[in-house]
Amino acid sequence: MRRELADACWPDIEPGRVTVAVPVGALEQHGPHLPLDTDTRIAVAVAAALPGVVTAPALAYGASGEHEAFAGTVSIGAEVLTSLVVEYGRSVCRWAQRVLFVNGHGGNAYPLARAVELLRYEGRDAAWLPCAIPGADAHAGITETSLMLHLAPHSVDMARAAAGATEPIATLMPRLRETGIVSVSANGVLGDPTAATADQGAGLFAGLVERAAAQVVRWQPGAEGRLR
């Protein structure tokens, strides 16, 4: 079986024996130095590195309303994303054994949890996991910039990298939820990307994939379908 679903022909797929990994990203601002599809690229890279899965084409739009004050952002909203994931899961599970949604954007977490919970209630073996890194800064800071310097260095413009809001995310969250990221960070960055390096990104990515792969092997979805 091919590792990428888009490259397969239908006779290549053995019904009931395939785990499909679906990267779920976003098209949203990532500061002045990172591309709009940063979350999608990270989710695609993680999904492609997981053991025993076939990687589907990414769902490249997400729930990104908090970024809409910045040009280039396209959000489909939480309700549409929830519906999209539910219908995707219902369809793919007609022939796949399992479906795993690999999430690259924090704003997608609630819609994914709702959708996967419903899919599991309906009897489908669906799950999701976040591309989460312990101790990471919130958005377009040193963590994501280092990851992108490792995964796609040609797409990063470090000459434009600048610190944004560096207060703890818990402090920023009330204003952020009410009026979006622009109310706390004029450049859209939550953190400081200026010290990011590709070497740091390689280490972060290796740890991220190691944790995600272990979760896939265990396959223990929690109450909302998130792998533990």
N, C-alpha and C. Protein backbone atom coordinates (compact mmCIF):
# COMPACT_ATOMS: atom_id res chain seq x y z
N MET A 1 0.84 -1.20 0.00
CA MET A 1 0.00 0.00 0.00
C MET A 1 0.87 1.24 0.00
N ARG A 2 0.53 2.19 -0.84
CA ARG A 2 1.28 3.44 -0.87
C ARG A 2 1.07 4.22 0.42
N ARG A 3 2.07 5.03 0.77
CA ARG A 3 1.99 5.81 2.00
C ARG A 3 1.12 7.05 1.83
N GLU A 4 0.91 7.52 0.62
CA GLU A 4 0.09 8.71 0.38
C GLU A 4 -1.18 8.30 -0.35
N LEU A 5 -2.31 8.62 0.26
CA LEU A 5 -3.60 8.20 -0.28
C LEU A 5 -3.83 8.75 -1.69
N ALA A 6 -3.41 9.98 -1.93
CA ALA A 6 -3.66 10.59 -3.23
C ALA A 6 -2.94 9.87 -4.37
N ASP A 7 -1.87 9.16 -4.06
CA ASP A 7 -1.11 8.44 -5.08
C ASP A 7 -1.64 7.04 -5.35
N ALA A 8 -2.57 6.57 -4.52
CA ALA A 8 -3.04 5.19 -4.63
C ALA A 8 -4.12 5.07 -5.71
N CYS A 9 -4.23 3.88 -6.27
CA CYS A 9 -5.38 3.50 -7.09
C CYS A 9 -6.30 2.65 -6.20
N TRP A 10 -7.58 2.62 -6.50
CA TRP A 10 -8.49 1.98 -5.55
C TRP A 10 -8.18 0.50 -5.30
N PRO A 11 -7.69 -0.27 -6.32
CA PRO A 11 -7.38 -1.66 -5.99
C PRO A 11 -6.19 -1.81 -5.04
N ASP A 12 -5.41 -0.74 -4.84
CA ASP A 12 -4.28 -0.80 -3.91
C ASP A 12 -4.73 -0.83 -2.46
N ILE A 13 -5.98 -0.47 -2.19
CA ILE A 13 -6.46 -0.29 -0.83
C ILE A 13 -7.24 -1.52 -0.40
N GLU A 14 -6.80 -2.14 0.68
CA GLU A 14 -7.49 -3.32 1.21
C GLU A 14 -8.52 -2.86 2.23
N PRO A 15 -9.79 -2.95 1.93
CA PRO A 15 -10.82 -2.42 2.84
C PRO A 15 -10.72 -3.03 4.24
N GLY A 16 -10.94 -2.17 5.23
CA GLY A 16 -10.96 -2.62 6.62
C GLY A 16 -9.61 -2.82 7.25
N ARG A 17 -8.54 -2.45 6.55
CA ARG A 17 -7.20 -2.69 7.10
C ARG A 17 -6.31 -1.44 7.07
N VAL A 18 -6.89 -0.30 6.76
CA VAL A 18 -6.09 0.91 6.56
C VAL A 18 -6.39 1.92 7.67
N THR A 19 -5.34 2.52 8.23
CA THR A 19 -5.48 3.68 9.10
C THR A 19 -5.12 4.91 8.29
N VAL A 20 -6.06 5.82 8.12
CA VAL A 20 -5.85 7.03 7.34
C VAL A 20 -5.55 8.20 8.29
N ALA A 21 -4.42 8.83 8.09
CA ALA A 21 -4.04 10.02 8.86
C ALA A 21 -4.36 11.25 8.03
N VAL A 22 -5.16 12.15 8.58
CA VAL A 22 -5.62 13.35 7.87
C VAL A 22 -5.03 14.58 8.55
N PRO A 23 -4.07 15.26 7.93
CA PRO A 23 -3.58 16.51 8.52
C PRO A 23 -4.67 17.57 8.47
N VAL A 24 -4.84 18.29 9.58
CA VAL A 24 -5.81 19.38 9.65
C VAL A 24 -5.05 20.65 10.02
N GLY A 25 -5.09 21.62 9.13
CA GLY A 25 -4.30 22.83 9.35
C GLY A 25 -5.13 24.08 9.33
N ALA A 26 -4.56 25.14 8.79
CA ALA A 26 -5.21 26.44 8.74
C ALA A 26 -4.51 27.29 7.69
N LEU A 27 -5.21 28.33 7.27
CA LEU A 27 -4.60 29.35 6.42
C LEU A 27 -4.77 30.66 7.18
N GLU A 28 -3.73 31.06 7.88
CA GLU A 28 -3.83 32.21 8.78
C GLU A 28 -2.46 32.86 8.95
N GLN A 29 -2.49 34.12 9.36
CA GLN A 29 -1.25 34.85 9.57
C GLN A 29 -0.37 34.16 10.62
N HIS A 30 0.91 34.17 10.36
CA HIS A 30 1.91 33.68 11.31
C HIS A 30 3.03 34.70 11.44
N GLY A 31 2.63 35.94 11.76
CA GLY A 31 3.63 36.99 11.87
C GLY A 31 4.14 37.40 10.50
N PRO A 32 5.07 38.34 10.47
CA PRO A 32 5.59 38.82 9.18
C PRO A 32 6.62 37.91 8.54
N HIS A 33 6.98 36.82 9.22
CA HIS A 33 8.13 36.01 8.77
C HIS A 33 7.80 34.57 8.40
N LEU A 34 6.60 34.08 8.73
CA LEU A 34 6.23 32.70 8.44
C LEU A 34 5.06 32.66 7.45
N PRO A 35 4.96 31.60 6.65
CA PRO A 35 3.89 31.53 5.64
C PRO A 35 2.54 31.26 6.27
N LEU A 36 1.50 31.61 5.54
CA LEU A 36 0.13 31.45 6.01
C LEU A 36 -0.23 29.99 6.28
N ASP A 37 0.40 29.07 5.60
CA ASP A 37 0.04 27.65 5.77
C ASP A 37 0.97 26.92 6.73
N THR A 38 1.58 27.65 7.66
CA THR A 38 2.51 27.04 8.62
C THR A 38 1.88 25.85 9.35
N ASP A 39 0.69 26.02 9.89
CA ASP A 39 0.06 24.94 10.65
C ASP A 39 -0.19 23.71 9.80
N THR A 40 -0.58 23.93 8.54
CA THR A 40 -0.82 22.81 7.64
C THR A 40 0.48 22.06 7.34
N ARG A 41 1.54 22.81 7.09
CA ARG A 41 2.82 22.15 6.78
C ARG A 41 3.31 21.29 7.95
N ILE A 42 3.16 21.81 9.16
CA ILE A 42 3.61 21.04 10.32
C ILE A 42 2.76 19.78 10.48
N ALA A 43 1.44 19.92 10.35
CA ALA A 43 0.56 18.75 10.47
C ALA A 43 0.85 17.71 9.40
N VAL A 44 1.11 18.14 8.18
CA VAL A 44 1.45 17.22 7.09
C VAL A 44 2.73 16.46 7.41
N ALA A 45 3.73 17.16 7.91
CA ALA A 45 5.02 16.53 8.21
C ALA A 45 4.88 15.50 9.33
N VAL A 46 4.10 15.83 10.35
CA VAL A 46 3.89 14.89 11.45
C VAL A 46 3.13 13.66 10.96
N ALA A 47 2.05 13.87 10.22
CA ALA A 47 1.25 12.75 9.73
C ALA A 47 2.09 11.82 8.86
N ALA A 48 2.93 12.40 8.01
CA ALA A 48 3.75 11.59 7.11
C ALA A 48 4.79 10.75 7.84
N ALA A 49 5.13 11.15 9.08
CA ALA A 49 6.15 10.43 9.84
C ALA A 49 5.58 9.36 10.77
N LEU A 50 4.26 9.24 10.83
CA LEU A 50 3.65 8.28 11.75
C LEU A 50 3.74 6.86 11.21
N PRO A 51 3.86 5.88 12.09
CA PRO A 51 3.98 4.49 11.64
C PRO A 51 2.63 3.90 11.27
N GLY A 52 2.63 3.09 10.22
CA GLY A 52 1.48 2.27 9.89
C GLY A 52 0.25 3.00 9.39
N VAL A 53 0.44 4.21 8.84
CA VAL A 53 -0.71 4.97 8.36
C VAL A 53 -0.54 5.30 6.89
N VAL A 54 -1.67 5.60 6.25
CA VAL A 54 -1.68 6.18 4.92
C VAL A 54 -2.09 7.64 5.09
N THR A 55 -1.30 8.56 4.55
CA THR A 55 -1.55 9.98 4.76
C THR A 55 -2.44 10.54 3.66
N ALA A 56 -3.54 11.15 4.06
CA ALA A 56 -4.48 11.76 3.12
C ALA A 56 -4.07 13.19 2.82
N PRO A 57 -4.57 13.77 1.75
CA PRO A 57 -4.35 15.20 1.52
C PRO A 57 -4.90 16.01 2.70
N ALA A 58 -4.26 17.12 2.99
CA ALA A 58 -4.62 17.90 4.16
C ALA A 58 -5.95 18.62 3.99
N LEU A 59 -6.63 18.79 5.13
CA LEU A 59 -7.72 19.76 5.23
C LEU A 59 -7.06 21.08 5.62
N ALA A 60 -6.91 21.96 4.66
CA ALA A 60 -5.98 23.08 4.80
C ALA A 60 -6.61 24.38 5.31
N TYR A 61 -7.88 24.33 5.68
CA TYR A 61 -8.54 25.49 6.27
C TYR A 61 -9.11 25.09 7.62
N GLY A 62 -9.12 26.03 8.56
CA GLY A 62 -9.60 25.71 9.89
C GLY A 62 -10.40 26.83 10.50
N ALA A 63 -10.57 26.75 11.82
CA ALA A 63 -11.29 27.76 12.59
C ALA A 63 -10.27 28.78 13.09
N SER A 64 -10.14 29.88 12.36
CA SER A 64 -9.08 30.86 12.61
C SER A 64 -9.63 32.27 12.79
N GLY A 65 -10.82 32.37 13.36
CA GLY A 65 -11.45 33.67 13.49
C GLY A 65 -10.64 34.68 14.26
N GLU A 66 -9.83 34.23 15.21
CA GLU A 66 -9.03 35.15 16.01
C GLU A 66 -7.94 35.85 15.21
N HIS A 67 -7.67 35.38 13.98
CA HIS A 67 -6.63 35.95 13.13
C HIS A 67 -7.18 36.80 11.98
N GLU A 68 -8.49 36.96 11.90
CA GLU A 68 -9.09 37.54 10.70
C GLU A 68 -8.81 39.02 10.52
N ALA A 69 -8.25 39.71 11.51
CA ALA A 69 -7.86 41.11 11.32
C ALA A 69 -6.62 41.23 10.44
N PHE A 70 -5.94 40.12 10.17
CA PHE A 70 -4.72 40.13 9.37
C PHE A 70 -5.02 39.62 7.96
N ALA A 71 -4.53 40.33 6.97
CA ALA A 71 -4.74 39.94 5.57
C ALA A 71 -4.17 38.55 5.31
N GLY A 72 -4.85 37.82 4.46
CA GLY A 72 -4.42 36.48 4.09
C GLY A 72 -5.10 35.37 4.85
N THR A 73 -5.61 35.68 6.03
CA THR A 73 -6.29 34.67 6.84
C THR A 73 -7.63 34.31 6.21
N VAL A 74 -7.90 33.00 6.13
CA VAL A 74 -9.21 32.50 5.67
C VAL A 74 -9.69 31.48 6.69
N SER A 75 -10.79 31.78 7.35
CA SER A 75 -11.36 30.89 8.37
C SER A 75 -12.69 30.33 7.89
N ILE A 76 -12.90 29.02 8.10
CA ILE A 76 -14.19 28.44 7.77
C ILE A 76 -15.08 28.32 9.01
N GLY A 77 -14.55 28.66 10.18
CA GLY A 77 -15.35 28.66 11.39
C GLY A 77 -15.50 27.30 12.04
N ALA A 78 -15.85 27.33 13.32
CA ALA A 78 -15.91 26.10 14.10
C ALA A 78 -17.03 25.17 13.64
N GLU A 79 -18.20 25.72 13.32
CA GLU A 79 -19.33 24.87 12.95
C GLU A 79 -19.08 24.16 11.63
N VAL A 80 -18.54 24.88 10.65
CA VAL A 80 -18.26 24.26 9.35
C VAL A 80 -17.17 23.21 9.48
N LEU A 81 -16.13 23.52 10.26
CA LEU A 81 -15.06 22.53 10.44
C LEU A 81 -15.59 21.28 11.11
N THR A 82 -16.42 21.44 12.12
CA THR A 82 -17.02 20.28 12.79
C THR A 82 -17.79 19.43 11.79
N SER A 83 -18.63 20.06 11.00
CA SER A 83 -19.42 19.32 10.01
C SER A 83 -18.53 18.64 8.98
N LEU A 84 -17.50 19.34 8.54
CA LEU A 84 -16.58 18.78 7.54
C LEU A 84 -15.90 17.52 8.08
N VAL A 85 -15.42 17.58 9.31
CA VAL A 85 -14.72 16.42 9.89
C VAL A 85 -15.68 15.26 10.10
N VAL A 86 -16.91 15.55 10.52
CA VAL A 86 -17.90 14.49 10.70
C VAL A 86 -18.17 13.78 9.37
N GLU A 87 -18.43 14.56 8.33
CA GLU A 87 -18.75 13.94 7.03
C GLU A 87 -17.53 13.22 6.45
N TYR A 88 -16.35 13.78 6.66
CA TYR A 88 -15.13 13.13 6.20
C TYR A 88 -14.98 11.78 6.90
N GLY A 89 -15.14 11.79 8.22
CA GLY A 89 -15.00 10.54 8.97
C GLY A 89 -16.01 9.49 8.57
N ARG A 90 -17.26 9.92 8.37
CA ARG A 90 -18.29 8.97 7.94
C ARG A 90 -17.94 8.34 6.60
N SER A 91 -17.41 9.14 5.70
CA SER A 91 -17.09 8.64 4.37
C SER A 91 -15.87 7.72 4.39
N VAL A 92 -14.80 8.18 5.01
CA VAL A 92 -13.56 7.40 4.96
C VAL A 92 -13.71 6.07 5.71
N CYS A 93 -14.53 6.05 6.76
CA CYS A 93 -14.70 4.83 7.53
C CYS A 93 -15.59 3.80 6.84
N ARG A 94 -16.09 4.12 5.66
CA ARG A 94 -16.77 3.09 4.86
C ARG A 94 -15.79 2.03 4.37
N TRP A 95 -14.50 2.42 4.27
CA TRP A 95 -13.52 1.44 3.80
C TRP A 95 -12.26 1.38 4.66
N ALA A 96 -11.99 2.42 5.46
CA ALA A 96 -10.81 2.41 6.32
C ALA A 96 -11.12 1.77 7.67
N GLN A 97 -10.13 1.16 8.25
CA GLN A 97 -10.30 0.60 9.60
C GLN A 97 -10.40 1.72 10.64
N ARG A 98 -9.52 2.72 10.46
CA ARG A 98 -9.45 3.82 11.42
C ARG A 98 -9.17 5.12 10.68
N VAL A 99 -9.54 6.24 11.30
CA VAL A 99 -9.14 7.55 10.79
C VAL A 99 -8.59 8.38 11.94
N LEU A 100 -7.48 9.02 11.67
CA LEU A 100 -6.80 9.85 12.66
C LEU A 100 -6.63 11.25 12.10
N PHE A 101 -7.16 12.25 12.80
CA PHE A 101 -7.00 13.64 12.40
C PHE A 101 -5.82 14.24 13.16
N VAL A 102 -4.81 14.69 12.42
CA VAL A 102 -3.57 15.24 13.01
C VAL A 102 -3.67 16.76 12.94
N ASN A 103 -3.84 17.39 14.08
CA ASN A 103 -4.19 18.81 14.13
C ASN A 103 -2.99 19.72 14.33
N GLY A 104 -2.85 20.70 13.42
CA GLY A 104 -1.75 21.64 13.51
C GLY A 104 -2.12 23.00 14.05
N HIS A 105 -3.42 23.25 14.33
CA HIS A 105 -3.86 24.59 14.76
C HIS A 105 -4.72 24.49 16.01
N GLY A 106 -4.32 25.25 17.04
CA GLY A 106 -5.01 25.16 18.32
C GLY A 106 -6.49 25.49 18.24
N GLY A 107 -6.86 26.42 17.36
CA GLY A 107 -8.26 26.80 17.22
C GLY A 107 -9.14 25.70 16.67
N ASN A 108 -8.53 24.66 16.11
CA ASN A 108 -9.30 23.52 15.59
C ASN A 108 -9.64 22.49 16.66
N ALA A 109 -9.07 22.61 17.85
CA ALA A 109 -9.18 21.55 18.85
C ALA A 109 -10.63 21.29 19.26
N TYR A 110 -11.37 22.33 19.57
CA TYR A 110 -12.75 22.14 20.01
C TYR A 110 -13.62 21.55 18.91
N PRO A 111 -13.58 22.08 17.67
CA PRO A 111 -14.36 21.44 16.61
C PRO A 111 -13.97 19.98 16.37
N LEU A 112 -12.68 19.68 16.42
CA LEU A 112 -12.25 18.30 16.23
C LEU A 112 -12.78 17.39 17.34
N ALA A 113 -12.69 17.87 18.57
CA ALA A 113 -13.18 17.06 19.69
C ALA A 113 -14.67 16.76 19.54
N ARG A 114 -15.44 17.77 19.16
CA ARG A 114 -16.89 17.57 18.96
C ARG A 114 -17.15 16.57 17.84
N ALA A 115 -16.44 16.74 16.73
CA ALA A 115 -16.67 15.88 15.57
C ALA A 115 -16.27 14.43 15.85
N VAL A 116 -15.10 14.24 16.43
CA VAL A 116 -14.60 12.89 16.67
C VAL A 116 -15.43 12.20 17.74
N GLU A 117 -15.88 12.96 18.74
CA GLU A 117 -16.75 12.37 19.75
C GLU A 117 -18.02 11.81 19.09
N LEU A 118 -18.60 12.55 18.16
CA LEU A 118 -19.79 12.07 17.45
C LEU A 118 -19.47 10.85 16.60
N LEU A 119 -18.36 10.90 15.88
CA LEU A 119 -17.99 9.75 15.04
C LEU A 119 -17.82 8.49 15.89
N ARG A 120 -17.21 8.63 17.03
CA ARG A 120 -17.02 7.46 17.90
C ARG A 120 -18.37 6.99 18.46
N TYR A 121 -19.23 7.92 18.80
CA TYR A 121 -20.57 7.55 19.28
C TYR A 121 -21.31 6.76 18.21
N GLU A 122 -21.09 7.10 16.94
CA GLU A 122 -21.72 6.40 15.83
C GLU A 122 -21.06 5.06 15.51
N GLY A 123 -20.01 4.71 16.23
CA GLY A 123 -19.37 3.41 16.06
C GLY A 123 -18.17 3.39 15.15
N ARG A 124 -17.65 4.56 14.79
CA ARG A 124 -16.47 4.63 13.91
C ARG A 124 -15.21 4.79 14.74
N ASP A 125 -14.14 4.13 14.32
CA ASP A 125 -12.89 4.18 15.08
C ASP A 125 -12.09 5.40 14.65
N ALA A 126 -12.52 6.55 15.14
CA ALA A 126 -11.88 7.83 14.82
C ALA A 126 -11.14 8.34 16.04
N ALA A 127 -10.10 9.12 15.79
CA ALA A 127 -9.34 9.75 16.87
C ALA A 127 -8.66 11.00 16.32
N TRP A 128 -8.11 11.81 17.23
CA TRP A 128 -7.35 12.97 16.80
C TRP A 128 -6.19 13.18 17.78
N LEU A 129 -5.18 13.87 17.31
CA LEU A 129 -4.09 14.26 18.19
C LEU A 129 -3.57 15.63 17.76
N PRO A 130 -3.11 16.42 18.72
CA PRO A 130 -2.55 17.73 18.39
C PRO A 130 -1.05 17.65 18.14
N CYS A 131 -0.55 18.54 17.30
CA CYS A 131 0.89 18.66 17.12
C CYS A 131 1.42 19.56 18.24
N ALA A 132 1.40 19.03 19.45
CA ALA A 132 1.68 19.82 20.65
C ALA A 132 3.10 19.57 21.14
N ILE A 133 3.73 20.64 21.61
CA ILE A 133 5.09 20.57 22.15
C ILE A 133 5.08 21.17 23.55
N PRO A 134 5.46 20.40 24.56
CA PRO A 134 5.46 20.93 25.93
C PRO A 134 6.34 22.17 26.05
N GLY A 135 5.82 23.20 26.70
CA GLY A 135 6.58 24.42 26.92
C GLY A 135 6.65 25.34 25.72
N ALA A 136 5.90 25.06 24.66
CA ALA A 136 5.94 25.89 23.46
C ALA A 136 5.34 27.25 23.71
N ASP A 137 5.84 28.26 22.99
CA ASP A 137 5.14 29.54 23.02
C ASP A 137 3.93 29.45 22.11
N ALA A 138 3.09 30.50 22.12
CA ALA A 138 1.73 30.33 21.62
C ALA A 138 1.59 30.37 20.11
N HIS A 139 2.25 31.33 19.42
CA HIS A 139 1.95 31.50 18.01
C HIS A 139 3.06 32.26 17.29
N ALA A 140 3.68 31.61 16.30
CA ALA A 140 4.69 32.24 15.43
C ALA A 140 5.92 32.70 16.19
N GLY A 141 6.13 32.11 17.36
CA GLY A 141 7.31 32.45 18.16
C GLY A 141 8.46 31.51 17.88
N ILE A 142 9.27 31.26 18.89
CA ILE A 142 10.49 30.47 18.69
C ILE A 142 10.16 29.02 18.33
N THR A 143 9.06 28.49 18.85
CA THR A 143 8.74 27.08 18.60
C THR A 143 8.38 26.84 17.14
N GLU A 144 7.33 27.52 16.66
CA GLU A 144 6.92 27.31 15.28
C GLU A 144 7.98 27.76 14.29
N THR A 145 8.70 28.84 14.61
CA THR A 145 9.74 29.31 13.69
C THR A 145 10.87 28.30 13.59
N SER A 146 11.27 27.72 14.71
CA SER A 146 12.31 26.69 14.67
C SER A 146 11.85 25.47 13.88
N LEU A 147 10.60 25.05 14.11
CA LEU A 147 10.07 23.91 13.34
C LEU A 147 10.11 24.20 11.84
N MET A 148 9.70 25.40 11.45
CA MET A 148 9.67 25.72 10.03
C MET A 148 11.07 25.90 9.45
N LEU A 149 12.02 26.38 10.24
CA LEU A 149 13.41 26.45 9.77
C LEU A 149 13.95 25.05 9.49
N HIS A 150 13.45 24.06 10.23
CA HIS A 150 13.84 22.67 9.99
C HIS A 150 13.09 22.07 8.81
N LEU A 151 11.76 22.29 8.74
CA LEU A 151 10.92 21.62 7.75
C LEU A 151 10.91 22.32 6.40
N ALA A 152 10.94 23.65 6.40
CA ALA A 152 10.81 24.41 5.15
C ALA A 152 11.57 25.72 5.26
N PRO A 153 12.89 25.65 5.36
CA PRO A 153 13.68 26.87 5.61
C PRO A 153 13.52 27.94 4.54
N HIS A 154 13.26 27.52 3.32
CA HIS A 154 13.11 28.48 2.22
C HIS A 154 11.89 29.37 2.39
N SER A 155 10.95 28.95 3.26
CA SER A 155 9.70 29.71 3.42
C SER A 155 9.75 30.67 4.61
N VAL A 156 10.86 30.71 5.31
CA VAL A 156 10.99 31.55 6.51
C VAL A 156 11.86 32.75 6.19
N ASP A 157 11.39 33.93 6.55
CA ASP A 157 12.14 35.17 6.34
C ASP A 157 12.58 35.72 7.69
N MET A 158 13.75 35.24 8.16
CA MET A 158 14.21 35.65 9.48
C MET A 158 14.56 37.13 9.55
N ALA A 159 14.79 37.78 8.41
CA ALA A 159 15.05 39.22 8.42
C ALA A 159 13.83 40.00 8.89
N ARG A 160 12.65 39.39 8.81
CA ARG A 160 11.42 40.06 9.24
C ARG A 160 10.92 39.56 10.58
N ALA A 161 11.64 38.62 11.18
CA ALA A 161 11.21 38.06 12.46
C ALA A 161 11.36 39.11 13.56
N ALA A 162 10.33 39.25 14.39
CA ALA A 162 10.35 40.20 15.49
C ALA A 162 9.46 39.70 16.61
N ALA A 163 9.81 40.05 17.82
CA ALA A 163 9.00 39.65 18.96
C ALA A 163 7.62 40.31 18.89
N GLY A 164 6.64 39.60 19.40
CA GLY A 164 5.30 40.14 19.54
C GLY A 164 4.95 40.26 21.00
N ALA A 165 3.77 39.82 21.36
CA ALA A 165 3.37 39.82 22.76
C ALA A 165 4.06 38.66 23.48
N THR A 166 4.77 38.96 24.53
CA THR A 166 5.54 37.92 25.23
C THR A 166 4.99 37.62 26.63
N GLU A 167 3.85 38.22 26.97
CA GLU A 167 3.24 37.88 28.24
C GLU A 167 2.72 36.45 28.21
N PRO A 168 2.51 35.83 29.37
CA PRO A 168 1.94 34.47 29.39
C PRO A 168 0.59 34.44 28.68
N ILE A 169 0.32 33.37 27.98
CA ILE A 169 -0.91 33.26 27.20
C ILE A 169 -2.14 33.38 28.08
N ALA A 170 -2.05 32.90 29.32
CA ALA A 170 -3.19 33.00 30.23
C ALA A 170 -3.55 34.46 30.50
N THR A 171 -2.54 35.33 30.53
CA THR A 171 -2.78 36.76 30.75
C THR A 171 -3.43 37.39 29.53
N LEU A 172 -3.04 36.96 28.35
CA LEU A 172 -3.54 37.54 27.10
C LEU A 172 -4.91 37.02 26.70
N MET A 173 -5.27 35.83 27.16
CA MET A 173 -6.43 35.13 26.63
C MET A 173 -7.74 35.91 26.72
N PRO A 174 -8.05 36.60 27.83
CA PRO A 174 -9.34 37.31 27.86
C PRO A 174 -9.49 38.32 26.72
N ARG A 175 -8.46 39.14 26.46
CA ARG A 175 -8.53 40.10 25.36
C ARG A 175 -8.52 39.41 24.02
N LEU A 176 -7.71 38.37 23.91
CA LEU A 176 -7.59 37.65 22.64
C LEU A 176 -8.94 37.05 22.24
N ARG A 177 -9.64 36.46 23.19
CA ARG A 177 -10.93 35.84 22.89
C ARG A 177 -11.96 36.88 22.49
N GLU A 178 -11.86 38.06 23.07
CA GLU A 178 -12.88 39.07 22.83
C GLU A 178 -12.67 39.80 21.51
N THR A 179 -11.42 40.15 21.20
CA THR A 179 -11.17 41.00 20.03
C THR A 179 -10.08 40.47 19.10
N GLY A 180 -9.59 39.26 19.32
CA GLY A 180 -8.62 38.66 18.41
C GLY A 180 -7.19 38.99 18.74
N ILE A 181 -6.29 38.35 18.03
CA ILE A 181 -4.86 38.49 18.31
C ILE A 181 -4.36 39.90 18.08
N VAL A 182 -4.95 40.61 17.11
CA VAL A 182 -4.48 41.96 16.81
C VAL A 182 -4.59 42.89 18.02
N SER A 183 -5.47 42.58 18.96
CA SER A 183 -5.63 43.42 20.14
C SER A 183 -4.50 43.27 21.14
N VAL A 184 -3.72 42.20 21.01
CA VAL A 184 -2.61 41.99 21.94
C VAL A 184 -1.26 42.01 21.25
N SER A 185 -1.25 41.88 19.90
CA SER A 185 0.01 41.83 19.16
C SER A 185 -0.18 42.43 17.78
N ALA A 186 0.44 43.57 17.55
CA ALA A 186 0.27 44.27 16.26
C ALA A 186 0.86 43.49 15.10
N ASN A 187 1.89 42.67 15.34
CA ASN A 187 2.48 41.90 14.25
C ASN A 187 1.99 40.46 14.18
N GLY A 188 1.06 40.09 15.07
CA GLY A 188 0.47 38.77 15.04
C GLY A 188 1.27 37.68 15.71
N VAL A 189 2.36 38.03 16.36
CA VAL A 189 3.24 37.05 17.00
C VAL A 189 2.93 37.01 18.50
N LEU A 190 2.83 35.80 19.03
CA LEU A 190 2.74 35.60 20.47
C LEU A 190 3.99 34.84 20.89
N GLY A 191 5.01 35.59 21.28
CA GLY A 191 6.30 35.00 21.59
C GLY A 191 7.41 35.79 20.92
N ASP A 192 8.60 35.22 20.89
CA ASP A 192 9.76 35.88 20.29
C ASP A 192 10.50 34.89 19.40
N PRO A 193 10.40 35.04 18.08
CA PRO A 193 11.01 34.08 17.16
C PRO A 193 12.47 34.36 16.83
N THR A 194 13.04 35.44 17.33
CA THR A 194 14.33 35.90 16.82
C THR A 194 15.49 34.95 17.10
N ALA A 195 15.37 34.11 18.12
CA ALA A 195 16.46 33.18 18.44
C ALA A 195 16.21 31.78 17.88
N ALA A 196 15.23 31.62 17.02
CA ALA A 196 14.91 30.31 16.47
C ALA A 196 16.02 29.79 15.58
N THR A 197 16.22 28.47 15.59
CA THR A 197 17.23 27.84 14.73
C THR A 197 16.69 26.54 14.16
N ALA A 198 17.25 26.12 13.04
CA ALA A 198 16.86 24.86 12.42
C ALA A 198 17.24 23.67 13.30
N ASP A 199 18.38 23.75 13.97
CA ASP A 199 18.78 22.65 14.86
C ASP A 199 17.79 22.47 15.99
N GLN A 200 17.35 23.58 16.57
CA GLN A 200 16.34 23.48 17.61
C GLN A 200 15.06 22.88 17.04
N GLY A 201 14.70 23.29 15.84
CA GLY A 201 13.51 22.75 15.20
C GLY A 201 13.59 21.26 14.96
N ALA A 202 14.78 20.79 14.57
CA ALA A 202 14.94 19.35 14.34
C ALA A 202 14.71 18.56 15.62
N GLY A 203 15.22 19.07 16.73
CA GLY A 203 15.00 18.39 18.00
C GLY A 203 13.55 18.42 18.43
N LEU A 204 12.90 19.57 18.26
CA LEU A 204 11.49 19.68 18.61
C LEU A 204 10.64 18.75 17.76
N PHE A 205 10.96 18.68 16.46
CA PHE A 205 10.17 17.82 15.57
C PHE A 205 10.37 16.35 15.90
N ALA A 206 11.59 15.96 16.20
CA ALA A 206 11.85 14.56 16.55
C ALA A 206 11.06 14.16 17.79
N GLY A 207 11.04 15.02 18.80
CA GLY A 207 10.29 14.72 20.00
C GLY A 207 8.79 14.68 19.74
N LEU A 208 8.31 15.60 18.92
CA LEU A 208 6.89 15.64 18.57
C LEU A 208 6.47 14.35 17.87
N VAL A 209 7.25 13.92 16.90
CA VAL A 209 6.92 12.69 16.17
C VAL A 209 7.02 11.47 17.08
N GLU A 210 8.01 11.43 17.95
CA GLU A 210 8.16 10.29 18.86
C GLU A 210 6.94 10.15 19.76
N ARG A 211 6.48 11.27 20.32
CA ARG A 211 5.30 11.22 21.19
C ARG A 211 4.05 10.83 20.40
N ALA A 212 3.88 11.42 19.22
CA ALA A 212 2.70 11.12 18.41
C ALA A 212 2.70 9.66 17.95
N ALA A 213 3.85 9.16 17.55
CA ALA A 213 3.93 7.77 17.09
C ALA A 213 3.57 6.80 18.22
N ALA A 214 4.04 7.09 19.43
CA ALA A 214 3.70 6.23 20.56
C ALA A 214 2.20 6.24 20.82
N GLN A 215 1.57 7.40 20.66
CA GLN A 215 0.12 7.49 20.84
C GLN A 215 -0.62 6.66 19.79
N VAL A 216 -0.13 6.71 18.57
CA VAL A 216 -0.77 5.93 17.49
C VAL A 216 -0.64 4.44 17.75
N VAL A 217 0.53 4.02 18.18
CA VAL A 217 0.74 2.59 18.46
C VAL A 217 -0.17 2.12 19.60
N ARG A 218 -0.30 2.95 20.66
CA ARG A 218 -1.18 2.58 21.77
C ARG A 218 -2.64 2.61 21.36
N TRP A 219 -3.02 3.60 20.58
CA TRP A 219 -4.40 3.83 20.12
C TRP A 219 -5.39 3.73 21.28
N GLN A 220 -5.32 4.72 22.16
CA GLN A 220 -6.21 4.80 23.30
C GLN A 220 -6.92 6.15 23.29
N PRO A 221 -7.98 6.30 22.48
CA PRO A 221 -8.70 7.56 22.45
C PRO A 221 -9.39 7.85 23.78
N GLY A 222 -9.30 9.10 24.22
CA GLY A 222 -9.99 9.52 25.43
C GLY A 222 -11.44 9.81 25.18
N ALA A 223 -12.07 10.50 26.13
CA ALA A 223 -13.52 10.74 26.06
C ALA A 223 -13.92 11.52 24.82
N GLU A 224 -13.10 12.47 24.37
CA GLU A 224 -13.40 13.25 23.19
C GLU A 224 -12.63 12.77 21.96
N GLY A 225 -12.10 11.57 22.04
CA GLY A 225 -11.42 10.98 20.90
C GLY A 225 -9.96 11.37 20.75
N ARG A 226 -9.43 12.15 21.67
CA ARG A 226 -8.01 12.53 21.59
C ARG A 226 -7.14 11.38 22.06
N LEU A 227 -6.13 11.05 21.26
CA LEU A 227 -5.24 9.96 21.64
C LEU A 227 -4.43 10.34 22.88
N ARG A 228 -4.27 9.33 23.76
CA ARG A 228 -3.51 9.53 24.99
C ARG A 228 -2.15 8.87 24.88
